[in-house]
Amino acid sequence: MVSTLGLNFIFTDLDTVFLRDPFVALNIPHGISNVTFASMDAPEGNTTLGSLFDLVPDIVYSTDARTFFHYMVDPDEGNQRIPRIWLNDQYGMEKLLDDKNSGFDSVMVNPFPAGIEERKDPRPVDEVVNATQVVRVRVLSQAAFRSALPYYEDAGIFGDDYPMLIKELESRGEYEVFYHPNYWMDAITLPYGNSKNKTLTKHIKQSGNKEEAMRISNRWYLNANVLSQNTLANTNQISLAREQVPVLYIRNETSIIVDEKAWFTGRYRNDTVMLASANFGAAKSPMLANMLCSLAKNSPKTLDSFVIWATDIEAAYFLGNISTTYYKSLFGVYYYDVNLPLDFASGDSDNEKYMQLMAGRNAFFERMVSTLGLNFIFTDLDTVFLKDPFVALNAPYGVSNVSVTSMDALEGNTTLGSLFDVVPDLVYSTDARTFFHLMIDPYEGNQRIPKICGGFFFIRSNERTIRLWKHMLEEGLNDQYGMEKLLDDKNSGFDSVMVNPLPAGIEKRKDPRSEDKVVNAQVVRVRILSQAAFRNSLPYYEDAGMVGDDYPMLIKELESRGEYEVFYHPNYWIDADVFELPYDNSKNKTLTKRIKHNGNKEEAMKVANQWYLNENGTCPHNI
């Protein structure tokens, strides 16, 4: 697996039950989350031992410790570098990782499991080591990845302590992931010579075999009638990784913020939720039905973390019925009383109603990012998804496969160049009217960022983004054009920098500042997405053959980087017979200046082979 095939993998024994998604809990493929890490791989050559503590781990293990770490005088139980690990062939691996004389070397990386306050490593943190050879090991929380410990029959103190550990876990936004009765047997002597509490019973009575252990801990999922059959119980009730969240949330003057936030985070995936907005007209539109159908076919897991903000009560009840009737109550519907048009849908030409709806989104976005503190993806309804957007954006980071210096921000003043590789605050698709590589100036006159599209973006809730959206709301700015102006014009009172990776066709940043200019770390970091992976109408103009001919080249380049097409959004396909593109800014002056359109957005999607509904308007893809 690891050598010949070169695979990353999670391994589990069969005597394990899962309470949550292990891929999410381990933040695959990283094996770690919510910490600062310097590199996706490792510093090259020689460096100090301490510089490895915050790196992404090579190996992540649950523990085989016979009691909770916080009860032990020595949680490493005599080991020099790592606590007891759990693996079928664990003893050999543990010896290799713990004993430098074995020809290998290791270091335990952050975060430590609860109960281990410091590394028991004989080397000082400033000792020089070969960073490319030292194996980085993470040992998992005993509360999140738990063994038989809480369920000993006689050791009541274990049971009493476990709720405390769970509460500590939840305070960090974590949760129980699995239960594995890895050493539940008829009798076992625990290492109480190593205990901080010498009064604890040394010999713990066991209550039976592993099956009985699972039953005592309420972790037996089979029905009584299948105990002797080689068949599974009906798993409809446990098909989701979390408890079912109510489909509809109606916010009113009596609503409590903590309950409102809990409803959203109940749909969280990788600390992120995906949002859209719809009035009654949009809720009934084939555009919304087509988007939901694309998710059902290409990314059904996204539906479970998707919420539609209904801007009127008619839309709320209509969408709630769609979710419960056709989508197994997967996506949620959020409503509060707001005075916005009921009958405008994507593709309509009433500009006044369109601007009213856009202005109304500011209050919604500000509440999500500020009051509720949510990270979220937002999408327009005239979008179809070809792949999972959570995976493509590596939520909650918004970026993947780059060296990342900080999950949040450098403090105080720093150089502009030092911000290029930090995790973005905002990630936007683009509203550019042609491919970047065909333009003389891909920024189209902007100073810091190209044209952005508010029809698909990702935002991390933090001090900088909260300040942005509060200003947007106070000034009544359009959430696309107003945001672009704020991010591009320092005179607006905000400042931004475009972070890596740059989209194909933009070779360098058009930023009047030099990389070594000192800036304040409050600079907003913006990532602009690939035009090939997150695409708009560009490849489908009727007359601009060169645009269509170029698209396969962009897709090939995308695939060479291990990326792929994620969505199609005909963001400016309109009913007009012609649409003037900025070809005075084109590298190829022979390109047709006026591009014929092939119809409305629905027809655009059909031309692009991105219409998922049957002729009768129903979705053929079952959930």
Foldseek 3Di string as FASTA:
>chain_A
DCPPVNDDDDDDDPLKDWLFDVCLQLLPPQRDDDFFAFFQAWDAFKFFQLNCQRHRAPEEFEAPAPEALLFFLDQLVPFQAHRHGDDPPRPVVSCQDRDVVVVAYEHEHDDAAPNDPDTRHPDDRGDMDGTNGYGYYYYDHCLQEHELQLPFPPQPVSVVCNVVVQVVQVVVVHHHTMYHNPPQDQWDFHPLVRGPDVPGDRITGGDHDSVVSCVSVVNDDADPVCPPPPDGHPCPCPPHSAHQQAQEDEDDPPDDLVVVLCSLCSLDGQQEAAEEEAAQQALPDLLLQLQVLLCLPAPLSNLQRYEYEYADVNSRVSVCCCCVPAPVSRYHYYYYHDDADRNDHPQDDPVVSVLRVQLVVLVVVLCQQPVSNGWYKYAYSNKHWNHDPCVQLSPPQRDDDFGARGSAWDAWKFFQLVPQRHGAQKEFEAPAPEALLFFLDQLVPFQAHRQGDPRIMTGHRDPLVSVVSVVCNVVSHRPRPRSSCQDRDVVVVAYAHEHDDAAPNDPDTRHPDDRGDMDTRSHGYYYYDYCLQEHALQLPFDPQVVSVVCNVVVQVVQVVVVHHHTMYHNPPQHADQWDAHPCVRGPDVPGDRITGGDGTSVVSCVSVVSGQADPVSHHPRHD
